[in-house]
C-alpha cells in the first residue's frame, strides 16, 4: 500500500528542528549547481558540464535526506558526498535522459510515464553502489510497478508548496526540496520493504522489463 499522507507526515517529523539546516545545505547545493550556468552559452559543452555537476550534487541531496531519515549526523561537506559515486551517477543520469527522450518520441505521455518508472533509480544506486546504472534502472522499474500513478498523485500534492515557493521568490524551494526528497526516500524504503515480503515465486526479479 502506498500511504502518501503517512510518508509526508514522517518526512515532516524528521525535518522538525532541522528545517533551517537542510535549507542551508540545499542552498549550497543550488549555488554549486549554478556554476554550470557559466557555460550555458556553449550549447553542447554547457549541457555536459551541467550534468557532470548537477547529477552528483543531486545525489548528495539524496544522501543527506537518507542520513536525516536514519537520524545520523549531517556535516556541511555532505553536499559533496554524491561525487563518491561520480561515474555511476553520471552514467545513470545519461541513460535515464536518453531513455526518456526516446520514449518521448512516441508522444509526450509515454515519456512522462517512463520518467516515473526511473524515479527511484538514484535511490537504488545510493543504497547499493555495487549496482550498475542499468541495474539501478531495472530495480527502479520493478519497484514502481503499480506505483507510478501513486507518485504522480504525490507530485500533485506538492502544488500548493510550489506556489508558495514561487511567491517567496524561490526561498520556499529551499524548504520544499528536502521535504520532497525525503518523502520520496521514505516511499522508496516502504516499497522496497514491501517487495522483500514477496515470496520467491512472486519475486519481481523473474520478470523482464523494457527500458
C-alpha atoms as a PDB file:
ATOM      1  CA  UNK A   1       0.000   0.000   0.000  1.00  0.00           C
ATOM      2  CA  UNK A   2       1.285   3.448  -0.935  1.00  0.00           C
ATOM      3  CA  UNK A   3       0.430   5.730   2.000  1.00  0.00           C
ATOM      4  CA  UNK A   4       1.256   9.189   0.655  1.00  0.00           C
ATOM      5  CA  UNK A   5      -0.084  11.040   3.695  1.00  0.00           C
ATOM      6  CA  UNK A   6       1.947   8.918   6.113  1.00  0.00           C
ATOM      7  CA  UNK A   7       5.145   9.332   4.090  1.00  0.00           C
ATOM      8  CA  UNK A   8       4.773  13.115   4.065  1.00  0.00           C
ATOM      9  CA  UNK A   9       3.950  13.188   7.771  1.00  0.00           C
ATOM     10  CA  UNK A  10       7.018  11.111   8.617  1.00  0.00           C
ATOM     11  CA  UNK A  11       9.194  13.340   6.437  1.00  0.00           C
ATOM     12  CA  UNK A  12       7.872  16.431   8.211  1.00  0.00           C
ATOM     13  CA  UNK A  13       8.517  14.780  11.578  1.00  0.00           C
ATOM     14  CA  UNK A  14      12.136  14.008  10.638  1.00  0.00           C
ATOM     15  CA  UNK A  15      12.621  17.585   9.440  1.00  0.00           C
ATOM     16  CA  UNK A  16      11.424  19.044  12.739  1.00  0.00           C
ATOM     17  CA  UNK A  17      14.246  21.133  14.246  1.00  0.00           C
ATOM     18  CA  UNK A  18      16.267  20.602  11.043  1.00  0.00           C
ATOM     19  CA  UNK A  19      14.391  22.771   8.537  1.00  0.00           C
ATOM     20  CA  UNK A  20      16.858  25.662   8.592  1.00  0.00           C
ATOM     21  CA  UNK A  21      19.942  23.443   8.414  1.00  0.00           C
ATOM     22  CA  UNK A  22      18.571  21.416   5.498  1.00  0.00           C
ATOM     23  CA  UNK A  23      17.521  24.628   3.752  1.00  0.00           C
ATOM     24  CA  UNK A  24      21.078  25.910   4.157  1.00  0.00           C
ATOM     25  CA  UNK A  25      22.566  22.733   2.688  1.00  0.00           C
ATOM     26  CA  UNK A  26      20.082  22.904  -0.173  1.00  0.00           C
ATOM     27  CA  UNK A  27      21.153  26.481  -0.853  1.00  0.00           C
ATOM     28  CA  UNK A  28      24.796  25.385  -1.032  1.00  0.00           C
ATOM     29  CA  UNK A  29      23.889  22.620  -3.480  1.00  0.00           C
ATOM     30  CA  UNK A  30      21.914  25.025  -5.663  1.00  0.00           C
ATOM     31  CA  UNK A  31      24.731  27.568  -5.652  1.00  0.00           C
ATOM     32  CA  UNK A  32      27.264  24.913  -6.634  1.00  0.00           C
ATOM     33  CA  UNK A  33      24.921  23.679  -9.357  1.00  0.00           C
ATOM     34  CA  UNK A  34      24.600  27.201 -10.716  1.00  0.00           C
ATOM     35  CA  UNK A  35      28.301  27.132 -11.632  1.00  0.00           C
ATOM     36  CA  UNK A  36      27.280  25.237 -14.756  1.00  0.00           C
ATOM     37  CA  UNK A  37      25.325  28.324 -15.864  1.00  0.00           C
ATOM     38  CA  UNK A  38      28.647  29.992 -16.607  1.00  0.00           C
ATOM     39  CA  UNK A  39      28.957  27.636 -19.558  1.00  0.00           C
ATOM     40  CA  UNK A  40      25.329  27.781 -20.699  1.00  0.00           C
ATOM     41  CA  UNK A  41      26.308  29.899 -23.711  1.00  0.00           C
ATOM     42  CA  UNK A  42      28.240  26.918 -25.134  1.00  0.00           C
ATOM     43  CA  UNK A  43      25.449  24.643 -26.480  1.00  0.00           C
ATOM     44  CA  UNK A  44      26.750  21.079 -26.070  1.00  0.00           C
ATOM     45  CA  UNK A  45      29.582  21.748 -23.618  1.00  0.00           C
ATOM     46  CA  UNK A  46      27.209  23.642 -21.344  1.00  0.00           C
ATOM     47  CA  UNK A  47      24.818  20.694 -21.145  1.00  0.00           C
ATOM     48  CA  UNK A  48      27.624  18.225 -20.455  1.00  0.00           C
ATOM     49  CA  UNK A  49      29.133  20.363 -17.693  1.00  0.00           C
ATOM     50  CA  UNK A  50      25.682  20.850 -16.188  1.00  0.00           C
ATOM     51  CA  UNK A  51      25.159  17.081 -15.994  1.00  0.00           C
ATOM     52  CA  UNK A  52      28.649  16.491 -14.562  1.00  0.00           C
ATOM     53  CA  UNK A  53      27.975  18.981 -11.766  1.00  0.00           C
ATOM     54  CA  UNK A  54      24.229  18.777 -11.142  1.00  0.00           C
ATOM     55  CA  UNK A  55      23.855  14.975 -11.105  1.00  0.00           C
ATOM     56  CA  UNK A  56      26.400  14.293  -8.315  1.00  0.00           C
ATOM     57  CA  UNK A  57      25.060  17.225  -6.298  1.00  0.00           C
ATOM     58  CA  UNK A  58      21.542  15.851  -6.675  1.00  0.00           C
ATOM     59  CA  UNK A  59      22.844  12.515  -5.411  1.00  0.00           C
ATOM     60  CA  UNK A  60      24.339  14.388  -2.451  1.00  0.00           C
ATOM     61  CA  UNK A  61      20.861  15.629  -1.541  1.00  0.00           C
ATOM     62  CA  UNK A  62      19.601  12.052  -1.640  1.00  0.00           C
ATOM     63  CA  UNK A  63      22.399  11.006   0.717  1.00  0.00           C
ATOM     64  CA  UNK A  64      21.617  13.897   3.038  1.00  0.00           C
ATOM     65  CA  UNK A  65      17.921  13.031   3.375  1.00  0.00           C
ATOM     66  CA  UNK A  66      18.857   9.388   3.923  1.00  0.00           C
ATOM     67  CA  UNK A  67      21.065  10.422   6.845  1.00  0.00           C
ATOM     68  CA  UNK A  68      18.259  12.574   8.202  1.00  0.00           C
ATOM     69  CA  UNK A  69      15.838   9.658   7.992  1.00  0.00           C
ATOM     70  CA  UNK A  70      18.301   7.378   9.795  1.00  0.00           C
ATOM     71  CA  UNK A  71      18.960  10.145  12.363  1.00  0.00           C
ATOM     72  CA  UNK A  72      22.650  10.292  11.504  1.00  0.00           C
ATOM     73  CA  UNK A  73      24.863  13.354  11.791  1.00  0.00           C
ATOM     74  CA  UNK A  74      24.933  15.541   8.687  1.00  0.00           C
ATOM     75  CA  UNK A  75      28.110  17.542   8.130  1.00  0.00           C
ATOM     76  CA  UNK A  76      28.313  20.517   5.793  1.00  0.00           C
ATOM     77  CA  UNK A  77      30.651  18.593   3.489  1.00  0.00           C
ATOM     78  CA  UNK A  78      27.803  16.145   2.912  1.00  0.00           C
ATOM     79  CA  UNK A  79      26.881  18.341  -0.050  1.00  0.00           C
ATOM     80  CA  UNK A  80      29.827  16.774  -1.892  1.00  0.00           C
ATOM     81  CA  UNK A  81      29.263  13.131  -0.953  1.00  0.00           C
ATOM     82  CA  UNK A  82      27.459  12.449  -4.211  1.00  0.00           C
ATOM     83  CA  UNK A  83      30.787  12.747  -6.005  1.00  0.00           C
ATOM     84  CA  UNK A  84      31.840   9.470  -4.354  1.00  0.00           C
ATOM     85  CA  UNK A  85      29.580   7.806  -6.937  1.00  0.00           C
ATOM     86  CA  UNK A  86      30.541  10.242  -9.677  1.00  0.00           C
ATOM     87  CA  UNK A  87      30.990   7.816 -12.586  1.00  0.00           C
ATOM     88  CA  UNK A  88      27.885   5.738 -11.962  1.00  0.00           C
ATOM     89  CA  UNK A  89      25.766   8.785 -11.156  1.00  0.00           C
ATOM     90  CA  UNK A  90      26.719  10.467 -14.430  1.00  0.00           C
ATOM     91  CA  UNK A  91      26.116   7.270 -16.389  1.00  0.00           C
ATOM     92  CA  UNK A  92      22.747   6.786 -14.692  1.00  0.00           C
ATOM     93  CA  UNK A  93      21.706  10.363 -15.457  1.00  0.00           C
ATOM     94  CA  UNK A  94      22.704   9.980 -19.105  1.00  0.00           C
ATOM     95  CA  UNK A  95      20.904   6.655 -19.523  1.00  0.00           C
ATOM     96  CA  UNK A  96      17.705   7.959 -17.928  1.00  0.00           C
ATOM     97  CA  UNK A  97      17.796  11.118 -20.045  1.00  0.00           C
ATOM     98  CA  UNK A  98      18.332   9.056 -23.194  1.00  0.00           C
ATOM     99  CA  UNK A  99      15.536   6.590 -22.421  1.00  0.00           C
ATOM    100  CA  UNK A 100      13.045   9.339 -21.587  1.00  0.00           C
ATOM    101  CA  UNK A 101      13.934  11.184 -24.794  1.00  0.00           C
ATOM    102  CA  UNK A 102      13.432   8.027 -26.860  1.00  0.00           C
ATOM    103  CA  UNK A 103      10.094   7.240 -25.229  1.00  0.00           C
ATOM    104  CA  UNK A 104       9.005  10.860 -25.687  1.00  0.00           C
ATOM    105  CA  UNK A 105       9.447  10.448 -29.439  1.00  0.00           C
ATOM    106  CA  UNK A 106       6.304   8.288 -29.312  1.00  0.00           C
ATOM    107  CA  UNK A 107       4.426  11.255 -27.732  1.00  0.00           C
ATOM    108  CA  UNK A 108       4.992  13.104 -24.505  1.00  0.00           C
ATOM    109  CA  UNK A 109       2.800  10.825 -22.343  1.00  0.00           C
ATOM    110  CA  UNK A 110       4.968   7.684 -22.728  1.00  0.00           C
ATOM    111  CA  UNK A 111       7.986   9.779 -21.768  1.00  0.00           C
ATOM    112  CA  UNK A 112       6.255  11.023 -18.627  1.00  0.00           C
ATOM    113  CA  UNK A 113       5.182   7.509 -17.664  1.00  0.00           C
ATOM    114  CA  UNK A 114       8.716   6.204 -18.121  1.00  0.00           C
ATOM    115  CA  UNK A 115      10.126   9.029 -16.016  1.00  0.00           C
ATOM    116  CA  UNK A 116       8.101   7.637 -13.118  1.00  0.00           C
ATOM    117  CA  UNK A 117       9.487   4.170 -13.830  1.00  0.00           C
ATOM    118  CA  UNK A 118      13.012   5.514 -13.390  1.00  0.00           C
ATOM    119  CA  UNK A 119      12.176   7.763 -10.440  1.00  0.00           C
ATOM    120  CA  UNK A 120      13.778   5.585  -7.761  1.00  0.00           C
ATOM    121  CA  UNK A 121      16.917   4.662  -9.716  1.00  0.00           C
ATOM    122  CA  UNK A 122      19.194   7.095  -7.879  1.00  0.00           C
ATOM    123  CA  UNK A 123      17.970   5.852  -4.500  1.00  0.00           C
ATOM    124  CA  UNK A 124      18.621   2.280  -5.645  1.00  0.00           C
ATOM    125  CA  UNK A 125      22.176   3.169  -6.648  1.00  0.00           C
ATOM    126  CA  UNK A 126      22.732   5.109  -3.429  1.00  0.00           C
ATOM    127  CA  UNK A 127      21.663   2.171  -1.265  1.00  0.00           C
ATOM    128  CA  UNK A 128      23.601  -0.364  -3.336  1.00  0.00           C
ATOM    129  CA  UNK A 129      26.641   1.225  -5.030  1.00  0.00           C
ATOM    130  CA  UNK A 130      27.556  -2.181  -6.457  1.00  0.00           C
ATOM    131  CA  UNK A 131      24.664  -1.905  -8.901  1.00  0.00           C
ATOM    132  CA  UNK A 132      25.446  -0.865 -12.439  1.00  0.00           C
ATOM    133  CA  UNK A 133      23.456   2.099 -13.798  1.00  0.00           C
ATOM    134  CA  UNK A 134      21.362  -0.296 -15.881  1.00  0.00           C
ATOM    135  CA  UNK A 135      20.661  -2.498 -12.855  1.00  0.00           C
ATOM    136  CA  UNK A 136      19.622   0.566 -10.836  1.00  0.00           C
ATOM    137  CA  UNK A 137      17.158   1.498 -13.584  1.00  0.00           C
ATOM    138  CA  UNK A 138      15.778  -2.033 -13.766  1.00  0.00           C
ATOM    139  CA  UNK A 139      15.360  -2.171  -9.994  1.00  0.00           C
ATOM    140  CA  UNK A 140      13.532   1.157 -10.047  1.00  0.00           C
ATOM    141  CA  UNK A 141      11.232  -0.175 -12.753  1.00  0.00           C
ATOM    142  CA  UNK A 142      10.435  -3.235 -10.652  1.00  0.00           C
ATOM    143  CA  UNK A 143       9.749  -1.167  -7.550  1.00  0.00           C
ATOM    144  CA  UNK A 144       7.487   1.319  -9.335  1.00  0.00           C
ATOM    145  CA  UNK A 145       5.240  -1.338 -10.866  1.00  0.00           C
ATOM    146  CA  UNK A 146       1.744  -0.401  -9.702  1.00  0.00           C
ATOM    147  CA  UNK A 147       3.003   2.824  -8.099  1.00  0.00           C
ATOM    148  CA  UNK A 148       3.563   5.219 -11.000  1.00  0.00           C
ATOM    149  CA  UNK A 149       0.115   6.750 -10.512  1.00  0.00           C
ATOM    150  CA  UNK A 150       0.795   6.960  -6.771  1.00  0.00           C
ATOM    151  CA  UNK A 151       3.919   9.016  -7.416  1.00  0.00           C
ATOM    152  CA  UNK A 152       2.022  11.197  -9.884  1.00  0.00           C
ATOM    153  CA  UNK A 153      -0.609  11.955  -7.225  1.00  0.00           C
ATOM    154  CA  UNK A 154       2.198  12.595  -4.735  1.00  0.00           C
ATOM    155  CA  UNK A 155       3.659  15.168  -7.122  1.00  0.00           C
ATOM    156  CA  UNK A 156       0.272  16.849  -7.468  1.00  0.00           C
ATOM    157  CA  UNK A 157       0.077  17.152  -3.687  1.00  0.00           C
ATOM    158  CA  UNK A 158       3.087  19.492  -3.764  1.00  0.00           C
ATOM    159  CA  UNK A 159       1.389  22.099  -5.968  1.00  0.00           C
ATOM    160  CA  UNK A 160       0.450  24.313  -3.024  1.00  0.00           C
ATOM    161  CA  UNK A 161       4.011  24.250  -1.747  1.00  0.00           C
ATOM    162  CA  UNK A 162       5.311  25.024  -5.237  1.00  0.00           C
ATOM    163  CA  UNK A 163       3.105  28.118  -5.463  1.00  0.00           C
ATOM    164  CA  UNK A 164       4.285  29.220  -2.024  1.00  0.00           C
ATOM    165  CA  UNK A 165       7.904  28.776  -3.112  1.00  0.00           C
ATOM    166  CA  UNK A 166       7.228  30.914  -6.183  1.00  0.00           C
ATOM    167  CA  UNK A 167       5.610  33.708  -4.187  1.00  0.00           C
ATOM    168  CA  UNK A 168       8.633  33.811  -1.855  1.00  0.00           C
ATOM    169  CA  UNK A 169      10.960  34.405  -4.812  1.00  0.00           C
ATOM    170  CA  UNK A 170      12.262  30.860  -4.600  1.00  0.00           C
ATOM    171  CA  UNK A 171      13.187  30.965  -0.921  1.00  0.00           C
ATOM    172  CA  UNK A 172      10.441  28.473  -0.163  1.00  0.00           C
ATOM    173  CA  UNK A 173      12.071  25.971  -2.504  1.00  0.00           C
ATOM    174  CA  UNK A 174      14.963  25.667  -0.046  1.00  0.00           C
ATOM    175  CA  UNK A 175      12.488  24.039   2.329  1.00  0.00           C
ATOM    176  CA  UNK A 176      10.408  22.273  -0.310  1.00  0.00           C
ATOM    177  CA  UNK A 177      13.288  20.413  -1.977  1.00  0.00           C
ATOM    178  CA  UNK A 178      14.469  18.496   1.122  1.00  0.00           C
ATOM    179  CA  UNK A 179      10.839  17.840   2.088  1.00  0.00           C
ATOM    180  CA  UNK A 180      10.026  16.279  -1.294  1.00  0.00           C
ATOM    181  CA  UNK A 181      13.309  14.369  -1.462  1.00  0.00           C
ATOM    182  CA  UNK A 182      12.838  12.912   1.998  1.00  0.00           C
ATOM    183  CA  UNK A 183       9.243  11.947   1.220  1.00  0.00           C
ATOM    184  CA  UNK A 184      10.399  10.184  -1.946  1.00  0.00           C
ATOM    185  CA  UNK A 185      13.095   8.348   0.006  1.00  0.00           C
ATOM    186  CA  UNK A 186      10.596   7.211   2.625  1.00  0.00           C
ATOM    187  CA  UNK A 187       8.275   5.986  -0.135  1.00  0.00           C
ATOM    188  CA  UNK A 188      11.224   4.174  -1.727  1.00  0.00           C
ATOM    189  CA  UNK A 189      12.068   2.417   1.547  1.00  0.00           C
ATOM    190  CA  UNK A 190       8.444   1.438   2.123  1.00  0.00           C
ATOM    191  CA  UNK A 191       8.093  -0.007  -1.378  1.00  0.00           C
ATOM    192  CA  UNK A 192      11.435  -1.809  -1.060  1.00  0.00           C
ATOM    193  CA  UNK A 193      10.377  -3.419   2.206  1.00  0.00           C
ATOM    194  CA  UNK A 194       7.080  -4.490   0.658  1.00  0.00           C
ATOM    195  CA  UNK A 195       8.910  -6.115  -2.250  1.00  0.00           C
ATOM    196  CA  UNK A 196      11.069  -8.088   0.192  1.00  0.00           C
ATOM    197  CA  UNK A 197       7.904  -9.579   1.653  1.00  0.00           C
ATOM    198  CA  UNK A 198       7.049 -11.245  -1.661  1.00  0.00           C
ATOM    199  CA  UNK A 199       7.579 -14.985  -1.883  1.00  0.00           C
ATOM    200  CA  UNK A 200      10.364 -16.324  -4.089  1.00  0.00           C
ATOM    201  CA  UNK A 201       7.797 -17.455  -6.636  1.00  0.00           C
ATOM    202  CA  UNK A 202       6.361 -13.962  -6.888  1.00  0.00           C
ATOM    203  CA  UNK A 203       9.629 -12.015  -6.878  1.00  0.00           C
ATOM    204  CA  UNK A 204       9.933  -9.250  -9.460  1.00  0.00           C
ATOM    205  CA  UNK A 205      13.455 -10.425 -10.297  1.00  0.00           C
ATOM    206  CA  UNK A 206      11.977 -13.100 -12.535  1.00  0.00           C
ATOM    207  CA  UNK A 207      10.192 -10.585 -14.715  1.00  0.00           C
ATOM    208  CA  UNK A 208      11.573  -8.772 -17.729  1.00  0.00           C
ATOM    209  CA  UNK A 209      11.105  -5.051 -18.229  1.00  0.00           C
ATOM    210  CA  UNK A 210      11.590  -2.883 -21.284  1.00  0.00           C
ATOM    211  CA  UNK A 211      13.808   0.117 -20.625  1.00  0.00           C
END
